[in-house]
PDB file of all heavy atoms in Angstrom:
ATOM      1  N   PRO A   1       0.848  -1.193   0.000  1.00  0.00           N
ATOM      2  CA  PRO A   1       0.000   0.000   0.000  1.00  0.00           C
ATOM      3  C   PRO A   1       0.881   1.240   0.000  1.00  0.00           C
ATOM      4  O   PRO A   1       1.859   1.310   0.743  1.00  0.00           O
ATOM      5  CB  PRO A   1      -0.793  -0.127   1.301  1.00  0.00           C
ATOM      6  CG  PRO A   1      -0.020  -1.071   2.154  1.00  0.00           C
ATOM      7  CD  PRO A   1       0.729  -1.982   1.239  1.00  0.00           C
ATOM      8  N   PHE A   2       0.566   2.208  -0.868  1.00  0.00           N
ATOM      9  CA  PHE A   2       1.415   3.390  -0.903  1.00  0.00           C
ATOM     10  C   PHE A   2       0.592   4.631  -1.224  1.00  0.00           C
ATOM     11  O   PHE A   2      -0.520   4.552  -1.757  1.00  0.00           O
ATOM     12  CB  PHE A   2       2.567   3.215  -1.906  1.00  0.00           C
ATOM     13  CG  PHE A   2       2.220   3.508  -3.339  1.00  0.00           C
ATOM     14  CD1 PHE A   2       2.562   4.712  -3.924  1.00  0.00           C
ATOM     15  CD2 PHE A   2       1.562   2.563  -4.117  1.00  0.00           C
ATOM     16  CE1 PHE A   2       2.259   4.986  -5.252  1.00  0.00           C
ATOM     17  CE2 PHE A   2       1.260   2.816  -5.441  1.00  0.00           C
ATOM     18  CZ  PHE A   2       1.607   4.030  -6.021  1.00  0.00           C
ATOM     19  N   ILE A   3       1.171   5.739  -0.861  1.00  0.00           N
ATOM     20  CA  ILE A   3       0.595   7.042  -1.153  1.00  0.00           C
ATOM     21  C   ILE A   3       1.713   7.900  -1.703  1.00  0.00           C
ATOM     22  O   ILE A   3       2.879   7.749  -1.303  1.00  0.00           O
ATOM     23  CB  ILE A   3      -0.032   7.669   0.121  1.00  0.00           C
ATOM     24  CG1 ILE A   3      -0.838   8.910  -0.220  1.00  0.00           C
ATOM     25  CG2 ILE A   3       1.030   7.983   1.154  1.00  0.00           C
ATOM     26  CD1 ILE A   3      -1.597   9.478   0.980  1.00  0.00           C
ATOM     27  N   GLU A   4       1.393   8.766  -2.649  1.00  0.00           N
ATOM     28  CA  GLU A   4       2.409   9.664  -3.195  1.00  0.00           C
ATOM     29  C   GLU A   4       2.150  11.071  -2.679  1.00  0.00           C
ATOM     30  O   GLU A   4       1.030  11.570  -2.751  1.00  0.00           O
ATOM     31  CB  GLU A   4       2.386   9.636  -4.717  1.00  0.00           C
ATOM     32  CG  GLU A   4       3.575  10.326  -5.332  1.00  0.00           C
ATOM     33  CD  GLU A   4       3.810   9.885  -6.774  1.00  0.00           C
ATOM     34  OE1 GLU A   4       4.414   8.805  -6.972  1.00  0.00           O
ATOM     35  OE2 GLU A   4       3.379  10.607  -7.675  1.00  0.00           O
ATOM     36  N   ALA A   5       3.185  11.665  -2.139  1.00  0.00           N
ATOM     37  CA  ALA A   5       3.103  13.032  -1.625  1.00  0.00           C
ATOM     38  C   ALA A   5       4.138  13.869  -2.336  1.00  0.00           C
ATOM     39  O   ALA A   5       5.196  13.373  -2.737  1.00  0.00           O
ATOM     40  CB  ALA A   5       3.350  13.056  -0.120  1.00  0.00           C
ATOM     41  N   THR A   6       3.850  15.136  -2.522  1.00  0.00           N
ATOM     42  CA  THR A   6       4.806  16.021  -3.183  1.00  0.00           C
ATOM     43  C   THR A   6       5.436  16.966  -2.175  1.00  0.00           C
ATOM     44  O   THR A   6       4.788  17.423  -1.223  1.00  0.00           O
ATOM     45  CB  THR A   6       4.146  16.851  -4.305  1.00  0.00           C
ATOM     46  OG1 THR A   6       3.250  17.805  -3.729  1.00  0.00           O
ATOM     47  CG2 THR A   6       3.399  15.938  -5.270  1.00  0.00           C
ATOM     48  N   TYR A   7       6.691  17.231  -2.407  1.00  0.00           N
ATOM     49  CA  TYR A   7       7.449  18.158  -1.566  1.00  0.00           C
ATOM     50  C   TYR A   7       6.782  19.529  -1.555  1.00  0.00           C
ATOM     51  O   TYR A   7       6.661  20.182  -0.511  1.00  0.00           O
ATOM     52  CB  TYR A   7       8.870  18.240  -2.113  1.00  0.00           C
ATOM     53  CG  TYR A   7       9.806  19.167  -1.385  1.00  0.00           C
ATOM     54  CD1 TYR A   7      10.482  18.744  -0.247  1.00  0.00           C
ATOM     55  CD2 TYR A   7      10.044  20.457  -1.856  1.00  0.00           C
ATOM     56  CE1 TYR A   7      11.358  19.594   0.410  1.00  0.00           C
ATOM     57  CE2 TYR A   7      10.923  21.308  -1.207  1.00  0.00           C
ATOM     58  CZ  TYR A   7      11.574  20.865  -0.070  1.00  0.00           C
ATOM     59  OH  TYR A   7      12.437  21.705   0.581  1.00  0.00           O
ATOM     60  N   GLU A   8       6.312  19.942  -2.714  1.00  0.00           N
ATOM     61  CA  GLU A   8       5.701  21.264  -2.836  1.00  0.00           C
ATOM     62  C   GLU A   8       4.419  21.367  -2.005  1.00  0.00           C
ATOM     63  O   GLU A   8       4.164  22.381  -1.345  1.00  0.00           O
ATOM     64  CB  GLU A   8       5.406  21.565  -4.308  1.00  0.00           C
ATOM     65  CG  GLU A   8       6.653  21.835  -5.153  1.00  0.00           C
ATOM     66  CD  GLU A   8       7.355  20.580  -5.648  1.00  0.00           C
ATOM     67  OE1 GLU A   8       6.897  19.463  -5.319  1.00  0.00           O
ATOM     68  OE2 GLU A   8       8.359  20.715  -6.355  1.00  0.00           O
ATOM     69  N   ALA A   9       3.604  20.295  -2.012  1.00  0.00           N
ATOM     70  CA  ALA A   9       2.354  20.312  -1.246  1.00  0.00           C
ATOM     71  C   ALA A   9       2.622  20.314   0.252  1.00  0.00           C
ATOM     72  O   ALA A   9       1.885  20.935   1.026  1.00  0.00           O
ATOM     73  CB  ALA A   9       1.486  19.117  -1.629  1.00  0.00           C
ATOM     74  N   LEU A  10       3.681  19.633   0.668  1.00  0.00           N
ATOM     75  CA  LEU A  10       4.023  19.623   2.094  1.00  0.00           C
ATOM     76  C   LEU A  10       4.409  21.013   2.582  1.00  0.00           C
ATOM     77  O   LEU A  10       4.168  21.367   3.739  1.00  0.00           O
ATOM     78  CB  LEU A  10       5.177  18.648   2.354  1.00  0.00           C
ATOM     79  CG  LEU A  10       4.827  17.163   2.272  1.00  0.00           C
ATOM     80  CD1 LEU A  10       6.091  16.320   2.385  1.00  0.00           C
ATOM     81  CD2 LEU A  10       3.839  16.766   3.358  1.00  0.00           C
ATOM     82  N   LEU A  11       4.995  21.811   1.697  1.00  0.00           N
ATOM     83  CA  LEU A  11       5.381  23.170   2.083  1.00  0.00           C
ATOM     84  C   LEU A  11       4.186  24.115   2.168  1.00  0.00           C
ATOM     85  O   LEU A  11       4.261  25.143   2.838  1.00  0.00           O
ATOM     86  CB  LEU A  11       6.398  23.738   1.085  1.00  0.00           C
ATOM     87  CG  LEU A  11       7.780  23.088   1.069  1.00  0.00           C
ATOM     88  CD1 LEU A  11       8.624  23.701  -0.035  1.00  0.00           C
ATOM     89  CD2 LEU A  11       8.475  23.238   2.415  1.00  0.00           C
ATOM     90  N   GLU A  12       3.101  23.756   1.494  1.00  0.00           N
ATOM     91  CA  GLU A  12       1.958  24.665   1.420  1.00  0.00           C
ATOM     92  C   GLU A  12       1.137  24.715   2.703  1.00  0.00           C
ATOM     93  O   GLU A  12       0.495  25.720   2.986  1.00  0.00           O
ATOM     94  CB  GLU A  12       1.059  24.261   0.250  1.00  0.00           C
ATOM     95  CG  GLU A  12       1.674  24.573  -1.116  1.00  0.00           C
ATOM     96  CD  GLU A  12       0.788  24.110  -2.258  1.00  0.00           C
ATOM     97  OE1 GLU A  12      -0.307  23.561  -1.973  1.00  0.00           O
ATOM     98  OE2 GLU A  12       1.182  24.279  -3.428  1.00  0.00           O
ATOM     99  N   GLY A  13       1.112  23.637   3.471  1.00  0.00           N
ATOM    100  CA  GLY A  13       0.292  23.661   4.678  1.00  0.00           C
ATOM    101  C   GLY A  13       0.100  22.283   5.260  1.00  0.00           C
ATOM    102  O   GLY A  13       0.799  21.323   4.933  1.00  0.00           O
ATOM    103  N   GLU A  14      -0.914  22.168   6.140  1.00  0.00           N
ATOM    104  CA  GLU A  14      -1.123  20.962   6.914  1.00  0.00           C
ATOM    105  C   GLU A  14      -1.909  19.879   6.184  1.00  0.00           C
ATOM    106  O   GLU A  14      -1.943  18.730   6.624  1.00  0.00           O
ATOM    107  CB  GLU A  14      -1.875  21.325   8.216  1.00  0.00           C
ATOM    108  CG  GLU A  14      -1.101  22.254   9.138  1.00  0.00           C
ATOM    109  CD  GLU A  14       0.138  21.577   9.704  1.00  0.00           C
ATOM    110  OE1 GLU A  14       0.009  20.498  10.294  1.00  0.00           O
ATOM    111  OE2 GLU A  14       1.241  22.137   9.522  1.00  0.00           O
ATOM    112  N   GLN A  15      -2.555  20.220   5.080  1.00  0.00           N
ATOM    113  CA  GLN A  15      -3.452  19.270   4.428  1.00  0.00           C
ATOM    114  C   GLN A  15      -2.723  18.014   3.959  1.00  0.00           C
ATOM    115  O   GLN A  15      -3.227  16.894   4.118  1.00  0.00           O
ATOM    116  CB  GLN A  15      -4.162  19.933   3.245  1.00  0.00           C
ATOM    117  CG  GLN A  15      -5.227  19.055   2.609  1.00  0.00           C
ATOM    118  CD  GLN A  15      -6.032  19.802   1.552  1.00  0.00           C
ATOM    119  OE1 GLN A  15      -5.900  21.005   1.386  1.00  0.00           O
ATOM    120  NE2 GLN A  15      -6.863  19.072   0.835  1.00  0.00           N
ATOM    121  N   GLU A  16      -1.541  18.179   3.408  1.00  0.00           N
ATOM    122  CA  GLU A  16      -0.791  17.016   2.920  1.00  0.00           C
ATOM    123  C   GLU A  16      -0.315  16.149   4.082  1.00  0.00           C
ATOM    124  O   GLU A  16      -0.336  14.917   3.999  1.00  0.00           O
ATOM    125  CB  GLU A  16       0.391  17.479   2.064  1.00  0.00           C
ATOM    126  CG  GLU A  16       1.073  16.374   1.284  1.00  0.00           C
ATOM    127  CD  GLU A  16       0.323  15.957   0.027  1.00  0.00           C
ATOM    128  OE1 GLU A  16      -0.894  16.215  -0.063  1.00  0.00           O
ATOM    129  OE2 GLU A  16       0.949  15.361  -0.862  1.00  0.00           O
ATOM    130  N   PHE A  17       0.107  16.787   5.176  1.00  0.00           N
ATOM    131  CA  PHE A  17       0.500  16.024   6.359  1.00  0.00           C
ATOM    132  C   PHE A  17      -0.683  15.224   6.893  1.00  0.00           C
ATOM    133  O   PHE A  17      -0.537  14.066   7.283  1.00  0.00           O
ATOM    134  CB  PHE A  17       1.029  16.960   7.450  1.00  0.00           C
ATOM    135  CG  PHE A  17       2.451  17.407   7.244  1.00  0.00           C
ATOM    136  CD1 PHE A  17       2.729  18.693   6.836  1.00  0.00           C
ATOM    137  CD2 PHE A  17       3.506  16.541   7.463  1.00  0.00           C
ATOM    138  CE1 PHE A  17       4.034  19.113   6.642  1.00  0.00           C
ATOM    139  CE2 PHE A  17       4.819  16.946   7.281  1.00  0.00           C
ATOM    140  CZ  PHE A  17       5.085  18.241   6.866  1.00  0.00           C
ATOM    141  N   ALA A  18      -1.849  15.843   6.925  1.00  0.00           N
ATOM    142  CA  ALA A  18      -3.048  15.164   7.421  1.00  0.00           C
ATOM    143  C   ALA A  18      -3.387  13.961   6.561  1.00  0.00           C
ATOM    144  O   ALA A  18      -3.788  12.899   7.061  1.00  0.00           O
ATOM    145  CB  ALA A  18      -4.217  16.149   7.454  1.00  0.00           C
ATOM    146  N   ARG A  19      -3.235  14.096   5.257  1.00  0.00           N
ATOM    147  CA  ARG A  19      -3.511  12.990   4.332  1.00  0.00           C
ATOM    148  C   ARG A  19      -2.559  11.823   4.587  1.00  0.00           C
ATOM    149  O   ARG A  19      -2.966  10.655   4.569  1.00  0.00           O
ATOM    150  CB  ARG A  19      -3.376  13.490   2.891  1.00  0.00           C
ATOM    151  CG  ARG A  19      -3.890  12.533   1.830  1.00  0.00           C
ATOM    152  CD  ARG A  19      -3.937  13.225   0.470  1.00  0.00           C
ATOM    153  NE  ARG A  19      -2.614  13.493  -0.054  1.00  0.00           N
ATOM    154  CZ  ARG A  19      -1.961  12.670  -0.884  1.00  0.00           C
ATOM    155  NH1 ARG A  19      -2.523  11.542  -1.275  1.00  0.00           N
ATOM    156  NH2 ARG A  19      -0.769  12.995  -1.336  1.00  0.00           N
ATOM    157  N   ILE A  20      -1.287  12.131   4.853  1.00  0.00           N
ATOM    158  CA  ILE A  20      -0.299  11.090   5.137  1.00  0.00           C
ATOM    159  C   ILE A  20      -0.616  10.407   6.467  1.00  0.00           C
ATOM    160  O   ILE A  20      -0.531   9.176   6.582  1.00  0.00           O
ATOM    161  CB  ILE A  20       1.122  11.691   5.148  1.00  0.00           C
ATOM    162  CG1 ILE A  20       1.503  12.165   3.744  1.00  0.00           C
ATOM    163  CG2 ILE A  20       2.137  10.682   5.661  1.00  0.00           C
ATOM    164  CD1 ILE A  20       2.791  12.955   3.694  1.00  0.00           C
ATOM    165  N   CYS A  21      -0.979  11.189   7.489  1.00  0.00           N
ATOM    166  CA  CYS A  21      -1.326  10.608   8.789  1.00  0.00           C
ATOM    167  C   CYS A  21      -2.500   9.646   8.666  1.00  0.00           C
ATOM    168  O   CYS A  21      -2.508   8.560   9.259  1.00  0.00           O
ATOM    169  CB  CYS A  21      -1.659  11.721   9.794  1.00  0.00           C
ATOM    170  SG  CYS A  21      -0.228  12.668  10.359  1.00  0.00           S
ATOM    171  N   THR A  22      -3.499  10.033   7.887  1.00  0.00           N
ATOM    172  CA  THR A  22      -4.653   9.160   7.670  1.00  0.00           C
ATOM    173  C   THR A  22      -4.229   7.861   7.009  1.00  0.00           C
ATOM    174  O   THR A  22      -4.663   6.763   7.407  1.00  0.00           O
ATOM    175  CB  THR A  22      -5.708   9.868   6.804  1.00  0.00           C
ATOM    176  OG1 THR A  22      -6.146  11.055   7.473  1.00  0.00           O
ATOM    177  CG2 THR A  22      -6.904   8.969   6.548  1.00  0.00           C
ATOM    178  N   PHE A  23      -3.368   7.948   6.002  1.00  0.00           N
ATOM    179  CA  PHE A  23      -2.885   6.762   5.304  1.00  0.00           C
ATOM    180  C   PHE A  23      -2.125   5.835   6.247  1.00  0.00           C
ATOM    181  O   PHE A  23      -2.250   4.606   6.181  1.00  0.00           O
ATOM    182  CB  PHE A  23      -1.994   7.184   4.136  1.00  0.00           C
ATOM    183  CG  PHE A  23      -1.220   6.061   3.506  1.00  0.00           C
ATOM    184  CD1 PHE A  23      -1.852   5.120   2.712  1.00  0.00           C
ATOM    185  CD2 PHE A  23       0.155   5.960   3.702  1.00  0.00           C
ATOM    186  CE1 PHE A  23      -1.134   4.080   2.128  1.00  0.00           C
ATOM    187  CE2 PHE A  23       0.872   4.929   3.123  1.00  0.00           C
ATOM    188  CZ  PHE A  23       0.222   3.987   2.339  1.00  0.00           C
ATOM    189  N   LEU A  24      -1.306   6.401   7.145  1.00  0.00           N
ATOM    190  CA  LEU A  24      -0.495   5.610   8.065  1.00  0.00           C
ATOM    191  C   LEU A  24      -1.284   5.126   9.272  1.00  0.00           C
ATOM    192  O   LEU A  24      -0.784   4.316  10.058  1.00  0.00           O
ATOM    193  CB  LEU A  24       0.721   6.418   8.529  1.00  0.00           C
ATOM    194  CG  LEU A  24       1.736   6.801   7.449  1.00  0.00           C
ATOM    195  CD1 LEU A  24       2.831   7.680   8.034  1.00  0.00           C
ATOM    196  CD2 LEU A  24       2.343   5.560   6.807  1.00  0.00           C
ATOM    197  N   GLY A  25      -2.496   5.646   9.434  1.00  0.00           N
ATOM    198  CA  GLY A  25      -3.322   5.222  10.552  1.00  0.00           C
ATOM    199  C   GLY A  25      -2.875   5.781  11.884  1.00  0.00           C
ATOM    200  O   GLY A  25      -3.038   5.143  12.928  1.00  0.00           O
ATOM    201  N   ILE A  26      -2.307   6.980  11.854  1.00  0.00           N
ATOM    202  CA  ILE A  26      -1.877   7.623  13.100  1.00  0.00           C
ATOM    203  C   ILE A  26      -2.699   8.884  13.310  1.00  0.00           C
ATOM    204  O   ILE A  26      -3.125   9.521  12.347  1.00  0.00           O
ATOM    205  CB  ILE A  26      -0.368   7.955  13.087  1.00  0.00           C
ATOM    206  CG1 ILE A  26      -0.019   8.864  11.913  1.00  0.00           C
ATOM    207  CG2 ILE A  26       0.452   6.683  13.029  1.00  0.00           C
ATOM    208  CD1 ILE A  26       1.447   9.261  11.859  1.00  0.00           C
ATOM    209  N   PRO A  27      -2.956   9.254  14.579  1.00  0.00           N
ATOM    210  CA  PRO A  27      -3.756  10.446  14.836  1.00  0.00           C
ATOM    211  C   PRO A  27      -3.088  11.699  14.295  1.00  0.00           C
ATOM    212  O   PRO A  27      -1.860  11.834  14.347  1.00  0.00           O
ATOM    213  CB  PRO A  27      -3.849  10.496  16.371  1.00  0.00           C
ATOM    214  CG  PRO A  27      -3.465   9.126  16.835  1.00  0.00           C
ATOM    215  CD  PRO A  27      -2.521   8.585  15.818  1.00  0.00           C
ATOM    216  N   ARG A  28      -3.895  12.593  13.786  1.00  0.00           N
ATOM    217  CA  ARG A  28      -3.357  13.874  13.333  1.00  0.00           C
ATOM    218  C   ARG A  28      -2.924  14.683  14.552  1.00  0.00           C
ATOM    219  O   ARG A  28      -3.687  14.835  15.506  1.00  0.00           O
ATOM    220  CB  ARG A  28      -4.409  14.633  12.541  1.00  0.00           C
ATOM    221  CG  ARG A  28      -3.915  15.959  11.981  1.00  0.00           C
ATOM    222  CD  ARG A  28      -4.982  16.630  11.149  1.00  0.00           C
ATOM    223  NE  ARG A  28      -4.535  17.920  10.666  1.00  0.00           N
ATOM    224  CZ  ARG A  28      -5.252  18.725   9.893  1.00  0.00           C
ATOM    225  NH1 ARG A  28      -6.463  18.332   9.500  1.00  0.00           N
ATOM    226  NH2 ARG A  28      -4.782  19.887   9.496  1.00  0.00           N
TER     227      ARG A  28
END
């Protein structure tokens, strides 16, 4: 199982981090 995240989106704000946390099954 994998998710693709972009460096640019991570710099923009918390939304990309939240998406990764959801994928990993860890609390935001």
